[in-house]
Amino acid sequence: MGTVTDYLAGMDDEARRAALEHVVEVARALVPDAEEGTSYGMPALLHRGKPLVAAVATKQHLSLYPFSGAVVEAVAPDLAGFSLSRGTIRFDADRPIPDAVLRQVVELRRREIDARA
């Protein structure tokens, strides 16, 4: 996988690509200085050189990785019915992460990175 832009451009399924592009657009709007890179082998947005979020497609679903179990735990009450794990929020193009929750994920992760800087 390459950069976020390259990864998204290489996706064939337009609905899934649009759902992931939306995640990236929200993150970039909230953290305009975010840079493209990779983390854990995934295309990711980086803030201060640290992974902010990654949004990728798997065979079964789309995934948002905020690289923080604490962030997922913080938003879990607002994601009833979504599949969650310690560091992953799974969603589909026809059932995206609500924008308010998505913004909260990005803001919480940005604050974590800023607190450690």
PDB file of N, CA and C in Angstrom:
ATOM      1  N   MET A   1       0.839  -1.183   0.000  1.00  0.00           N
ATOM      2  CA  MET A   1       0.000   0.000   0.000  1.00  0.00           C
ATOM      3  C   MET A   1       0.879   1.240   0.000  1.00  0.00           C
ATOM      4  N   GLY A   2       0.409   2.251  -0.701  1.00  0.00           N
ATOM      5  CA  GLY A   2       1.146   3.493  -0.752  1.00  0.00           C
ATOM      6  C   GLY A   2       0.518   4.534   0.138  1.00  0.00           C
ATOM      7  N   THR A   3       0.555   5.731  -0.319  1.00  0.00           N
ATOM      8  CA  THR A   3      -0.035   6.823   0.451  1.00  0.00           C
ATOM      9  C   THR A   3      -1.554   6.704   0.454  1.00  0.00           C
ATOM     10  N   VAL A   4      -2.186   7.486   1.249  1.00  0.00           N
ATOM     11  CA  VAL A   4      -3.649   7.483   1.357  1.00  0.00           C
ATOM     12  C   VAL A   4      -4.275   7.776   0.002  1.00  0.00           C
ATOM     13  N   THR A   5      -3.804   8.795  -0.682  1.00  0.00           N
ATOM     14  CA  THR A   5      -4.358   9.175  -1.985  1.00  0.00           C
ATOM     15  C   THR A   5      -4.213   8.040  -2.991  1.00  0.00           C
ATOM     16  N   ASP A   6      -3.040   7.426  -3.049  1.00  0.00           N
ATOM     17  CA  ASP A   6      -2.816   6.314  -3.969  1.00  0.00           C
ATOM     18  C   ASP A   6      -3.708   5.130  -3.630  1.00  0.00           C
ATOM     19  N   TYR A   7      -3.832   4.840  -2.354  1.00  0.00           N
ATOM     20  CA  TYR A   7      -4.672   3.726  -1.919  1.00  0.00           C
ATOM     21  C   TYR A   7      -6.123   3.935  -2.357  1.00  0.00           C
ATOM     22  N   LEU A   8      -6.647   5.119  -2.084  1.00  0.00           N
ATOM     23  CA  LEU A   8      -8.034   5.403  -2.445  1.00  0.00           C
ATOM     24  C   LEU A   8      -8.232   5.399  -3.959  1.00  0.00           C
ATOM     25  N   ALA A   9      -7.288   5.943  -4.687  1.00  0.00           N
ATOM     26  CA  ALA A   9      -7.388   5.981  -6.148  1.00  0.00           C
ATOM     27  C   ALA A   9      -7.392   4.576  -6.742  1.00  0.00           C
ATOM     28  N   GLY A  10      -6.781   3.632  -6.070  1.00  0.00           N
ATOM     29  CA  GLY A  10      -6.703   2.264  -6.570  1.00  0.00           C
ATOM     30  C   GLY A  10      -7.915   1.406  -6.250  1.00  0.00           C
ATOM     31  N   MET A  11      -8.871   1.951  -5.536  1.00  0.00           N
ATOM     32  CA  MET A  11     -10.064   1.171  -5.175  1.00  0.00           C
ATOM     33  C   MET A  11     -11.046   1.132  -6.335  1.00  0.00           C
ATOM     34  N   ASP A  12     -11.570  -0.062  -6.623  1.00  0.00           N
ATOM     35  CA  ASP A  12     -12.522  -0.229  -7.715  1.00  0.00           C
ATOM     36  C   ASP A  12     -13.963   0.059  -7.309  1.00  0.00           C
ATOM     37  N   ASP A  13     -14.319  -0.277  -6.093  1.00  0.00           N
ATOM     38  CA  ASP A  13     -15.699  -0.122  -5.630  1.00  0.00           C
ATOM     39  C   ASP A  13     -15.932   1.341  -5.247  1.00  0.00           C
ATOM     40  N   GLU A  14     -16.718   2.030  -6.061  1.00  0.00           N
ATOM     41  CA  GLU A  14     -16.908   3.473  -5.872  1.00  0.00           C
ATOM     42  C   GLU A  14     -17.574   3.822  -4.542  1.00  0.00           C
ATOM     43  N   ALA A  15     -18.570   3.056  -4.122  1.00  0.00           N
ATOM     44  CA  ALA A  15     -19.266   3.352  -2.866  1.00  0.00           C
ATOM     45  C   ALA A  15     -18.330   3.184  -1.671  1.00  0.00           C
ATOM     46  N   ARG A  16     -17.537   2.135  -1.689  1.00  0.00           N
ATOM     47  CA  ARG A  16     -16.591   1.914  -0.590  1.00  0.00           C
ATOM     48  C   ARG A  16     -15.497   2.979  -0.593  1.00  0.00           C
ATOM     49  N   ARG A  17     -15.022   3.329  -1.798  1.00  0.00           N
ATOM     50  CA  ARG A  17     -14.003   4.382  -1.894  1.00  0.00           C
ATOM     51  C   ARG A  17     -14.561   5.699  -1.368  1.00  0.00           C
ATOM     52  N   ALA A  18     -15.786   6.044  -1.737  1.00  0.00           N
ATOM     53  CA  ALA A  18     -16.390   7.300  -1.284  1.00  0.00           C
ATOM     54  C   ALA A  18     -16.533   7.317   0.239  1.00  0.00           C
ATOM     55  N   ALA A  19     -16.887   6.192   0.827  1.00  0.00           N
ATOM     56  CA  ALA A  19     -17.018   6.134   2.287  1.00  0.00           C
ATOM     57  C   ALA A  19     -15.674   6.369   2.967  1.00  0.00           C
ATOM     58  N   LEU A  20     -14.607   5.768   2.426  1.00  0.00           N
ATOM     59  CA  LEU A  20     -13.276   5.981   3.005  1.00  0.00           C
ATOM     60  C   LEU A  20     -12.780   7.399   2.736  1.00  0.00           C
ATOM     61  N   GLU A  21     -13.064   7.929   1.548  1.00  0.00           N
ATOM     62  CA  GLU A  21     -12.672   9.312   1.243  1.00  0.00           C
ATOM     63  C   GLU A  21     -13.332  10.285   2.212  1.00  0.00           C
ATOM     64  N   HIS A  22     -14.565  10.007   2.585  1.00  0.00           N
ATOM     65  CA  HIS A  22     -15.253  10.879   3.533  1.00  0.00           C
ATOM     66  C   HIS A  22     -14.524  10.893   4.880  1.00  0.00           C
ATOM     67  N   VAL A  23     -14.099   9.738   5.335  1.00  0.00           N
ATOM     68  CA  VAL A  23     -13.340   9.660   6.596  1.00  0.00           C
ATOM     69  C   VAL A  23     -12.084  10.522   6.488  1.00  0.00           C
ATOM     70  N   VAL A  24     -11.371  10.389   5.402  1.00  0.00           N
ATOM     71  CA  VAL A  24     -10.131  11.146   5.202  1.00  0.00           C
ATOM     72  C   VAL A  24     -10.420  12.643   5.118  1.00  0.00           C
ATOM     73  N   GLU A  25     -11.478  13.032   4.424  1.00  0.00           N
ATOM     74  CA  GLU A  25     -11.837  14.450   4.311  1.00  0.00           C
ATOM     75  C   GLU A  25     -12.158  15.058   5.672  1.00  0.00           C
ATOM     76  N   VAL A  26     -12.901  14.333   6.489  1.00  0.00           N
ATOM     77  CA  VAL A  26     -13.229  14.829   7.834  1.00  0.00           C
ATOM     78  C   VAL A  26     -11.949  14.985   8.648  1.00  0.00           C
ATOM     79  N   ALA A  27     -11.084  13.990   8.599  1.00  0.00           N
ATOM     80  CA  ALA A  27      -9.830  14.059   9.358  1.00  0.00           C
ATOM     81  C   ALA A  27      -8.966  15.225   8.889  1.00  0.00           C
ATOM     82  N   ARG A  28      -8.877  15.422   7.592  1.00  0.00           N
ATOM     83  CA  ARG A  28      -8.066  16.533   7.057  1.00  0.00           C
ATOM     84  C   ARG A  28      -8.663  17.893   7.416  1.00  0.00           C
ATOM     85  N   ALA A  29      -9.976  17.982   7.471  1.00  0.00           N
ATOM     86  CA  ALA A  29     -10.610  19.242   7.854  1.00  0.00           C
ATOM     87  C   ALA A  29     -10.296  19.586   9.307  1.00  0.00           C
ATOM     88  N   LEU A  30     -10.238  18.568  10.153  1.00  0.00           N
ATOM     89  CA  LEU A  30      -9.967  18.800  11.578  1.00  0.00           C
ATOM     90  C   LEU A  30      -8.484  18.943  11.888  1.00  0.00           C
ATOM     91  N   VAL A  31      -7.655  18.302  11.097  1.00  0.00           N
ATOM     92  CA  VAL A  31      -6.199  18.348  11.305  1.00  0.00           C
ATOM     93  C   VAL A  31      -5.562  18.665   9.947  1.00  0.00           C
ATOM     94  N   PRO A  32      -5.643  19.939   9.541  1.00  0.00           N
ATOM     95  CA  PRO A  32      -5.198  20.308   8.192  1.00  0.00           C
ATOM     96  C   PRO A  32      -3.715  20.071   7.923  1.00  0.00           C
ATOM     97  N   ASP A  33      -2.902  19.978   8.974  1.00  0.00           N
ATOM     98  CA  ASP A  33      -1.478  19.739   8.760  1.00  0.00           C
ATOM     99  C   ASP A  33      -1.140  18.246   8.696  1.00  0.00           C
ATOM    100  N   ALA A  34      -2.151  17.382   8.724  1.00  0.00           N
ATOM    101  CA  ALA A  34      -1.911  15.942   8.648  1.00  0.00           C
ATOM    102  C   ALA A  34      -1.217  15.605   7.329  1.00  0.00           C
ATOM    103  N   GLU A  35      -0.261  14.700   7.422  1.00  0.00           N
ATOM    104  CA  GLU A  35       0.498  14.271   6.247  1.00  0.00           C
ATOM    105  C   GLU A  35       0.166  12.826   5.927  1.00  0.00           C
ATOM    106  N   GLU A  36       0.332  12.463   4.673  1.00  0.00           N
ATOM    107  CA  GLU A  36       0.106  11.088   4.268  1.00  0.00           C
ATOM    108  C   GLU A  36       1.351  10.255   4.526  1.00  0.00           C
ATOM    109  N   GLY A  37       1.127   9.030   4.940  1.00  0.00           N
ATOM    110  CA  GLY A  37       2.224   8.110   5.174  1.00  0.00           C
ATOM    111  C   GLY A  37       1.665   6.726   5.411  1.00  0.00           C
ATOM    112  N   THR A  38       2.411   5.915   6.108  1.00  0.00           N
ATOM    113  CA  THR A  38       1.939   4.579   6.451  1.00  0.00           C
ATOM    114  C   THR A  38       2.203   4.311   7.921  1.00  0.00           C
ATOM    115  N   SER A  39       1.390   3.445   8.486  1.00  0.00           N
ATOM    116  CA  SER A  39       1.580   2.993   9.854  1.00  0.00           C
ATOM    117  C   SER A  39       1.030   1.571   9.944  1.00  0.00           C
ATOM    118  N   TYR A  40       1.805   0.702  10.515  1.00  0.00           N
ATOM    119  CA  TYR A  40       1.434  -0.717  10.602  1.00  0.00           C
ATOM    120  C   TYR A  40       1.083  -1.272   9.226  1.00  0.00           C
ATOM    121  N   GLY A  41       1.778  -0.811   8.200  1.00  0.00           N
ATOM    122  CA  GLY A  41       1.567  -1.294   6.848  1.00  0.00           C
ATOM    123  C   GLY A  41       0.330  -0.762   6.161  1.00  0.00           C
ATOM    124  N   MET A  42      -0.357   0.184   6.767  1.00  0.00           N
ATOM    125  CA  MET A  42      -1.576   0.742   6.193  1.00  0.00           C
ATOM    126  C   MET A  42      -1.352   2.198   5.792  1.00  0.00           C
ATOM    127  N   PRO A  43      -2.020   2.654   4.722  1.00  0.00           N
ATOM    128  CA  PRO A  43      -1.960   4.080   4.409  1.00  0.00           C
ATOM    129  C   PRO A  43      -2.657   4.834   5.531  1.00  0.00           C
ATOM    130  N   ALA A  44      -1.998   5.864   6.021  1.00  0.00           N
ATOM    131  CA  ALA A  44      -2.528   6.576   7.190  1.00  0.00           C
ATOM    132  C   ALA A  44      -2.244   8.060   7.077  1.00  0.00           C
ATOM    133  N   LEU A  45      -3.050   8.830   7.806  1.00  0.00           N
ATOM    134  CA  LEU A  45      -2.744  10.240   8.002  1.00  0.00           C
ATOM    135  C   LEU A  45      -1.918  10.335   9.272  1.00  0.00           C
ATOM    136  N   LEU A  46      -0.873  11.134   9.216  1.00  0.00           N
ATOM    137  CA  LEU A  46       0.034  11.299  10.340  1.00  0.00           C
ATOM    138  C   LEU A  46      -0.060  12.725  10.865  1.00  0.00           C
ATOM    139  N   HIS A  47       0.047  12.851  12.168  1.00  0.00           N
ATOM    140  CA  HIS A  47       0.062  14.159  12.817  1.00  0.00           C
ATOM    141  C   HIS A  47       1.304  14.182  13.705  1.00  0.00           C
ATOM    142  N   ARG A  48       2.168  15.168  13.456  1.00  0.00           N
ATOM    143  CA  ARG A  48       3.436  15.265  14.191  1.00  0.00           C
ATOM    144  C   ARG A  48       4.252  13.979  14.067  1.00  0.00           C
ATOM    145  N   GLY A  49       4.119  13.328  12.913  1.00  0.00           N
ATOM    146  CA  GLY A  49       4.863  12.104  12.651  1.00  0.00           C
ATOM    147  C   GLY A  49       4.274  10.854  13.269  1.00  0.00           C
ATOM    148  N   LYS A  50       3.170  10.995  13.960  1.00  0.00           N
ATOM    149  CA  LYS A  50       2.506   9.861  14.618  1.00  0.00           C
ATOM    150  C   LYS A  50       1.223   9.520  13.866  1.00  0.00           C
ATOM    151  N   PRO A  51       0.830   8.241  13.863  1.00  0.00           N
ATOM    152  CA  PRO A  51      -0.395   7.881  13.147  1.00  0.00           C
ATOM    153  C   PRO A  51      -1.636   8.496  13.779  1.00  0.00           C
ATOM    154  N   LEU A  52      -2.395   9.203  12.975  1.00  0.00           N
ATOM    155  CA  LEU A  52      -3.637   9.841  13.407  1.00  0.00           C
ATOM    156  C   LEU A  52      -4.795   8.874  13.177  1.00  0.00           C
ATOM    157  N   VAL A  53      -5.063   8.545  11.934  1.00  0.00           N
ATOM    158  CA  VAL A  53      -6.095   7.567  11.578  1.00  0.00           C
ATOM    159  C   VAL A  53      -5.718   6.897  10.262  1.00  0.00           C
ATOM    160  N   ALA A  54      -6.240   5.679  10.107  1.00  0.00           N
ATOM    161  CA  ALA A  54      -6.182   4.969   8.825  1.00  0.00           C
ATOM    162  C   ALA A  54      -7.589   4.481   8.534  1.00  0.00           C
ATOM    163  N   ALA A  55      -7.961   4.510   7.274  1.00  0.00           N
ATOM    164  CA  ALA A  55      -9.265   4.004   6.844  1.00  0.00           C
ATOM    165  C   ALA A  55      -9.006   3.085   5.662  1.00  0.00           C
ATOM    166  N   VAL A  56      -9.310   1.808   5.838  1.00  0.00           N
ATOM    167  CA  VAL A  56      -9.007   0.819   4.811  1.00  0.00           C
ATOM    168  C   VAL A  56     -10.179  -0.130   4.596  1.00  0.00           C
ATOM    169  N   ALA A  57     -10.144  -0.785   3.446  1.00  0.00           N
ATOM    170  CA  ALA A  57     -11.173  -1.759   3.086  1.00  0.00           C
ATOM    171  C   ALA A  57     -10.626  -3.173   3.256  1.00  0.00           C
ATOM    172  N   THR A  58     -11.467  -4.043   3.779  1.00  0.00           N
ATOM    173  CA  THR A  58     -11.182  -5.471   3.790  1.00  0.00           C
ATOM    174  C   THR A  58     -12.280  -6.137   2.975  1.00  0.00           C
ATOM    175  N   LYS A  59     -12.197  -7.428   2.821  1.00  0.00           N
ATOM    176  CA  LYS A  59     -13.211  -8.138   2.044  1.00  0.00           C
ATOM    177  C   LYS A  59     -14.608  -7.963   2.625  1.00  0.00           C
ATOM    178  N   GLN A  60     -14.709  -8.032   3.947  1.00  0.00           N
ATOM    179  CA  GLN A  60     -16.011  -8.021   4.605  1.00  0.00           C
ATOM    180  C   GLN A  60     -16.525  -6.649   5.011  1.00  0.00           C
ATOM    181  N   HIS A  61     -15.644  -5.672   5.232  1.00  0.00           N
ATOM    182  CA  HIS A  61     -16.084  -4.394   5.779  1.00  0.00           C
ATOM    183  C   HIS A  61     -15.039  -3.313   5.522  1.00  0.00           C
ATOM    184  N   LEU A  62     -15.359  -2.119   5.969  1.00  0.00           N
ATOM    185  CA  LEU A  62     -14.418  -0.999   5.992  1.00  0.00           C
ATOM    186  C   LEU A  62     -13.980  -0.822   7.436  1.00  0.00           C
ATOM    187  N   SER A  63     -12.776  -0.345   7.630  1.00  0.00           N
ATOM    188  CA  SER A  63     -12.267  -0.191   8.992  1.00  0.00           C
ATOM    189  C   SER A  63     -11.642   1.173   9.193  1.00  0.00           C
ATOM    190  N   LEU A  64     -11.889   1.728  10.367  1.00  0.00           N
ATOM    191  CA  LEU A  64     -11.235   2.951  10.817  1.00  0.00           C
ATOM    192  C   LEU A  64     -10.324   2.569  11.971  1.00  0.00           C
ATOM    193  N   TYR A  65      -9.057   2.908  11.844  1.00  0.00           N
ATOM    194  CA  TYR A  65      -8.070   2.641  12.878  1.00  0.00           C
ATOM    195  C   TYR A  65      -7.587   3.968  13.460  1.00  0.00           C
ATOM    196  N   PRO A  66      -7.965   4.294  14.693  1.00  0.00           N
ATOM    197  CA  PRO A  66      -7.439   5.508  15.321  1.00  0.00           C
ATOM    198  C   PRO A  66      -6.138   5.252  16.082  1.00  0.00           C
ATOM    199  N   PHE A  67      -5.598   4.044  15.986  1.00  0.00           N
ATOM    200  CA  PHE A  67      -4.333   3.693  16.623  1.00  0.00           C
ATOM    201  C   PHE A  67      -4.357   3.934  18.126  1.00  0.00           C
ATOM    202  N   SER A  68      -5.531   3.742  18.727  1.00  0.00           N
ATOM    203  CA  SER A  68      -5.680   3.979  20.157  1.00  0.00           C
ATOM    204  C   SER A  68      -6.898   3.234  20.689  1.00  0.00           C
ATOM    205  N   GLY A  69      -6.656   2.312  21.587  1.00  0.00           N
ATOM    206  CA  GLY A  69      -7.757   1.633  22.240  1.00  0.00           C
ATOM    207  C   GLY A  69      -8.592   2.575  23.085  1.00  0.00           C
ATOM    208  N   ALA A  70      -7.945   3.576  23.671  1.00  0.00           N
ATOM    209  CA  ALA A  70      -8.668   4.537  24.509  1.00  0.00           C
ATOM    210  C   ALA A  70      -9.672   5.344  23.683  1.00  0.00           C
ATOM    211  N   VAL A  71      -9.317   5.686  22.470  1.00  0.00           N
ATOM    212  CA  VAL A  71     -10.228   6.446  21.606  1.00  0.00           C
ATOM    213  C   VAL A  71     -11.436   5.590  21.242  1.00  0.00           C
ATOM    214  N   VAL A  72     -11.195   4.355  20.858  1.00  0.00           N
ATOM    215  CA  VAL A  72     -12.313   3.461  20.520  1.00  0.00           C
ATOM    216  C   VAL A  72     -13.217   3.275  21.738  1.00  0.00           C
ATOM    217  N   GLU A  73     -12.626   3.086  22.885  1.00  0.00           N
ATOM    218  CA  GLU A  73     -13.406   2.919  24.115  1.00  0.00           C
ATOM    219  C   GLU A  73     -14.247   4.163  24.415  1.00  0.00           C
ATOM    220  N   ALA A  74     -13.684   5.337  24.162  1.00  0.00           N
ATOM    221  CA  ALA A  74     -14.391   6.586  24.453  1.00  0.00           C
ATOM    222  C   ALA A  74     -15.629   6.775  23.584  1.00  0.00           C
ATOM    223  N   VAL A  75     -15.575   6.318  22.338  1.00  0.00           N
ATOM    224  CA  VAL A  75     -16.710   6.517  21.433  1.00  0.00           C
ATOM    225  C   VAL A  75     -17.629   5.299  21.345  1.00  0.00           C
ATOM    226  N   ALA A  76     -17.241   4.212  21.952  1.00  0.00           N
ATOM    227  CA  ALA A  76     -18.027   2.971  21.869  1.00  0.00           C
ATOM    228  C   ALA A  76     -19.496   3.148  22.246  1.00  0.00           C
ATOM    229  N   PRO A  77     -19.827   3.916  23.287  1.00  0.00           N
ATOM    230  CA  PRO A  77     -21.248   4.077  23.622  1.00  0.00           C
ATOM    231  C   PRO A  77     -22.081   4.705  22.499  1.00  0.00           C
ATOM    232  N   ASP A  78     -21.431   5.450  21.609  1.00  0.00           N
ATOM    233  CA  ASP A  78     -22.134   6.097  20.505  1.00  0.00           C
ATOM    234  C   ASP A  78     -22.161   5.240  19.240  1.00  0.00           C
ATOM    235  N   LEU A  79     -21.640   4.023  19.329  1.00  0.00           N
ATOM    236  CA  LEU A  79     -21.551   3.169  18.145  1.00  0.00           C
ATOM    237  C   LEU A  79     -22.264   1.829  18.347  1.00  0.00           C
ATOM    238  N   ALA A  80     -23.419   1.882  18.962  1.00  0.00           N
ATOM    239  CA  ALA A  80     -24.209   0.660  19.163  1.00  0.00           C
ATOM    240  C   ALA A  80     -24.495   0.021  17.805  1.00  0.00           C
ATOM    241  N   GLY A  81     -24.274  -1.273  17.726  1.00  0.00           N
ATOM    242  CA  GLY A  81     -24.521  -1.999  16.489  1.00  0.00           C
ATOM    243  C   GLY A  81     -23.334  -2.061  15.552  1.00  0.00           C
ATOM    244  N   PHE A  82     -22.285  -1.310  15.826  1.00  0.00           N
ATOM    245  CA  PHE A  82     -21.066  -1.376  15.028  1.00  0.00           C
ATOM    246  C   PHE A  82     -20.140  -2.426  15.633  1.00  0.00           C
ATOM    247  N   SER A  83     -19.341  -3.042  14.802  1.00  0.00           N
ATOM    248  CA  SER A  83     -18.355  -4.006  15.275  1.00  0.00           C
ATOM    249  C   SER A  83     -17.099  -3.244  15.688  1.00  0.00           C
ATOM    250  N   LEU A  84     -16.698  -3.443  16.938  1.00  0.00           N
ATOM    251  CA  LEU A  84     -15.530  -2.751  17.481  1.00  0.00           C
ATOM    252  C   LEU A  84     -14.546  -3.760  18.046  1.00  0.00           C
ATOM    253  N   SER A  85     -13.289  -3.406  18.005  1.00  0.00           N
ATOM    254  CA  SER A  85     -12.264  -4.134  18.744  1.00  0.00           C
ATOM    255  C   SER A  85     -11.383  -3.088  19.406  1.00  0.00           C
ATOM    256  N   ARG A  86     -10.383  -3.506  20.087  1.00  0.00           N
ATOM    257  CA  ARG A  86      -9.562  -2.584  20.870  1.00  0.00           C
ATOM    258  C   ARG A  86      -9.093  -1.363  20.071  1.00  0.00           C
ATOM    259  N   GLY A  87      -8.737  -1.547  18.823  1.00  0.00           N
ATOM    260  CA  GLY A  87      -8.221  -0.421  18.052  1.00  0.00           C
ATOM    261  C   GLY A  87      -8.902  -0.205  16.714  1.00  0.00           C
ATOM    262  N   THR A  88     -10.097  -0.800  16.537  1.00  0.00           N
ATOM    263  CA  THR A  88     -10.740  -0.759  15.226  1.00  0.00           C
ATOM    264  C   THR A  88     -12.231  -0.487  15.337  1.00  0.00           C
ATOM    265  N   ILE A  89     -12.724   0.328  14.407  1.00  0.00           N
ATOM    266  CA  ILE A  89     -14.159   0.538  14.241  1.00  0.00           C
ATOM    267  C   ILE A  89     -14.488   0.055  12.837  1.00  0.00           C
ATOM    268  N   ARG A  90     -15.359  -0.954  12.752  1.00  0.00           N
ATOM    269  CA  ARG A  90     -15.737  -1.515  11.450  1.00  0.00           C
ATOM    270  C   ARG A  90     -17.084  -0.934  11.016  1.00  0.00           C
ATOM    271  N   PHE A  91     -17.168  -0.623   9.722  1.00  0.00           N
ATOM    272  CA  PHE A  91     -18.394  -0.037   9.183  1.00  0.00           C
ATOM    273  C   PHE A  91     -18.548  -0.445   7.726  1.00  0.00           C
ATOM    274  N   ASP A  92     -19.628  -0.026   7.103  1.00  0.00           N
ATOM    275  CA  ASP A  92     -19.882  -0.322   5.694  1.00  0.00           C
ATOM    276  C   ASP A  92     -20.242   0.973   4.970  1.00  0.00           C
ATOM    277  N   ALA A  93     -20.152   0.938   3.658  1.00  0.00           N
ATOM    278  CA  ALA A  93     -20.503   2.117   2.868  1.00  0.00           C
ATOM    279  C   ALA A  93     -21.960   2.508   3.089  1.00  0.00           C
ATOM    280  N   ASP A  94     -22.829   1.516   3.275  1.00  0.00           N
ATOM    281  CA  ASP A  94     -24.243   1.826   3.486  1.00  0.00           C
ATOM    282  C   ASP A  94     -24.579   2.086   4.952  1.00  0.00           C
ATOM    283  N   ARG A  95     -23.603   1.938   5.830  1.00  0.00           N
ATOM    284  CA  ARG A  95     -23.771   2.274   7.250  1.00  0.00           C
ATOM    285  C   ARG A  95     -22.470   2.896   7.756  1.00  0.00           C
ATOM    286  N   PRO A  96     -22.238   4.149   7.382  1.00  0.00           N
ATOM    287  CA  PRO A  96     -20.991   4.812   7.769  1.00  0.00           C
ATOM    288  C   PRO A  96     -20.988   5.211   9.246  1.00  0.00           C
ATOM    289  N   ILE A  97     -19.823   5.519   9.723  1.00  0.00           N
ATOM    290  CA  ILE A  97     -19.683   6.045  11.082  1.00  0.00           C
ATOM    291  C   ILE A  97     -20.346   7.421  11.101  1.00  0.00           C
ATOM    292  N   PRO A  98     -21.216   7.692  12.062  1.00  0.00           N
ATOM    293  CA  PRO A  98     -21.845   9.024  12.126  1.00  0.00           C
ATOM    294  C   PRO A  98     -20.775  10.125  12.181  1.00  0.00           C
ATOM    295  N   ASP A  99     -21.017  11.213  11.468  1.00  0.00           N
ATOM    296  CA  ASP A  99     -20.023  12.295  11.400  1.00  0.00           C
ATOM    297  C   ASP A  99     -19.627  12.825  12.772  1.00  0.00           C
ATOM    298  N   ALA A 100     -20.566  12.959  13.676  1.00  0.00           N
ATOM    299  CA  ALA A 100     -20.226  13.472  15.009  1.00  0.00           C
ATOM    300  C   ALA A 100     -19.245  12.543  15.710  1.00  0.00           C
ATOM    301  N   VAL A 101     -19.439  11.254  15.563  1.00  0.00           N
ATOM    302  CA  VAL A 101     -18.536  10.285  16.186  1.00  0.00           C
ATOM    303  C   VAL A 101     -17.191  10.293  15.467  1.00  0.00           C
ATOM    304  N   LEU A 102     -17.224  10.375  14.154  1.00  0.00           N
ATOM    305  CA  LEU A 102     -15.992  10.436  13.375  1.00  0.00           C
ATOM    306  C   LEU A 102     -15.152  11.643  13.784  1.00  0.00           C
ATOM    307  N   ARG A 103     -15.805  12.788  13.924  1.00  0.00           N
ATOM    308  CA  ARG A 103     -15.076  13.991  14.361  1.00  0.00           C
ATOM    309  C   ARG A 103     -14.496  13.788  15.763  1.00  0.00           C
ATOM    310  N   GLN A 104     -15.253  13.160  16.625  1.00  0.00           N
ATOM    311  CA  GLN A 104     -14.772  12.910  17.987  1.00  0.00           C
ATOM    312  C   GLN A 104     -13.556  11.984  17.972  1.00  0.00           C
ATOM    313  N   VAL A 105     -13.575  10.963  17.147  1.00  0.00           N
ATOM    314  CA  VAL A 105     -12.438  10.043  17.028  1.00  0.00           C
ATOM    315  C   VAL A 105     -11.179  10.812  16.629  1.00  0.00           C
ATOM    316  N   VAL A 106     -11.302  11.627  15.594  1.00  0.00           N
ATOM    317  CA  VAL A 106     -10.141  12.373  15.099  1.00  0.00           C
ATOM    318  C   VAL A 106      -9.642  13.360  16.153  1.00  0.00           C
ATOM    319  N   GLU A 107     -10.551  14.086  16.792  1.00  0.00           N
ATOM    320  CA  GLU A 107     -10.152  15.063  17.806  1.00  0.00           C
ATOM    321  C   GLU A 107      -9.486  14.393  19.007  1.00  0.00           C
ATOM    322  N   LEU A 108     -10.051  13.296  19.461  1.00  0.00           N
ATOM    323  CA  LEU A 108      -9.458  12.590  20.603  1.00  0.00           C
ATOM    324  C   LEU A 108      -8.063  12.092  20.268  1.00  0.00           C
ATOM    325  N   ARG A 109      -7.903  11.542  19.076  1.00  0.00           N
ATOM    326  CA  ARG A 109      -6.583  11.036  18.685  1.00  0.00           C
ATOM    327  C   ARG A 109      -5.578  12.178  18.530  1.00  0.00           C
ATOM    328  N   ARG A 110      -6.037  13.291  17.942  1.00  0.00           N
ATOM    329  CA  ARG A 110      -5.134  14.452  17.805  1.00  0.00           C
ATOM    330  C   ARG A 110      -4.669  14.920  19.181  1.00  0.00           C
ATOM    331  N   ARG A 111      -5.601  14.987  20.121  1.00  0.00           N
ATOM    332  CA  ARG A 111      -5.241  15.417  21.481  1.00  0.00           C
ATOM    333  C   ARG A 111      -4.246  14.454  22.129  1.00  0.00           C
ATOM    334  N   GLU A 112      -4.426  13.166  21.900  1.00  0.00           N
ATOM    335  CA  GLU A 112      -3.459  12.197  22.447  1.00  0.00           C
ATOM    336  C   GLU A 112      -2.064  12.469  21.915  1.00  0.00           C
ATOM    337  N   ILE A 113      -1.982  12.669  20.598  1.00  0.00           N
ATOM    338  CA  ILE A 113      -0.676  12.920  19.990  1.00  0.00           C
ATOM    339  C   ILE A 113      -0.090  14.228  20.497  1.00  0.00           C
ATOM    340  N   ASP A 114      -0.898  15.275  20.567  1.00  0.00           N
ATOM    341  CA  ASP A 114      -0.420  16.574  21.041  1.00  0.00           C
ATOM    342  C   ASP A 114       0.046  16.499  22.499  1.00  0.00           C
ATOM    343  N   ALA A 115      -0.630  15.725  23.313  1.00  0.00           N
ATOM    344  CA  ALA A 115      -0.266  15.604  24.726  1.00  0.00           C
ATOM    345  C   ALA A 115       1.093  14.934  24.902  1.00  0.00           C
ATOM    346  N   ARG A 116       1.453  14.089  23.955  1.00  0.00           N
ATOM    347  CA  ARG A 116       2.730  13.363  24.038  1.00  0.00           C
ATOM    348  C   ARG A 116       3.882  14.129  23.380  1.00  0.00           C
ATOM    349  N   ALA A 117       3.540  15.202  22.667  1.00  0.00           N
ATOM    350  CA  ALA A 117       4.583  15.952  21.927  1.00  0.00           C
ATOM    351  C   ALA A 117       5.375  16.846  22.863  1.00  0.00           C
TER     352      ALA A 117
END
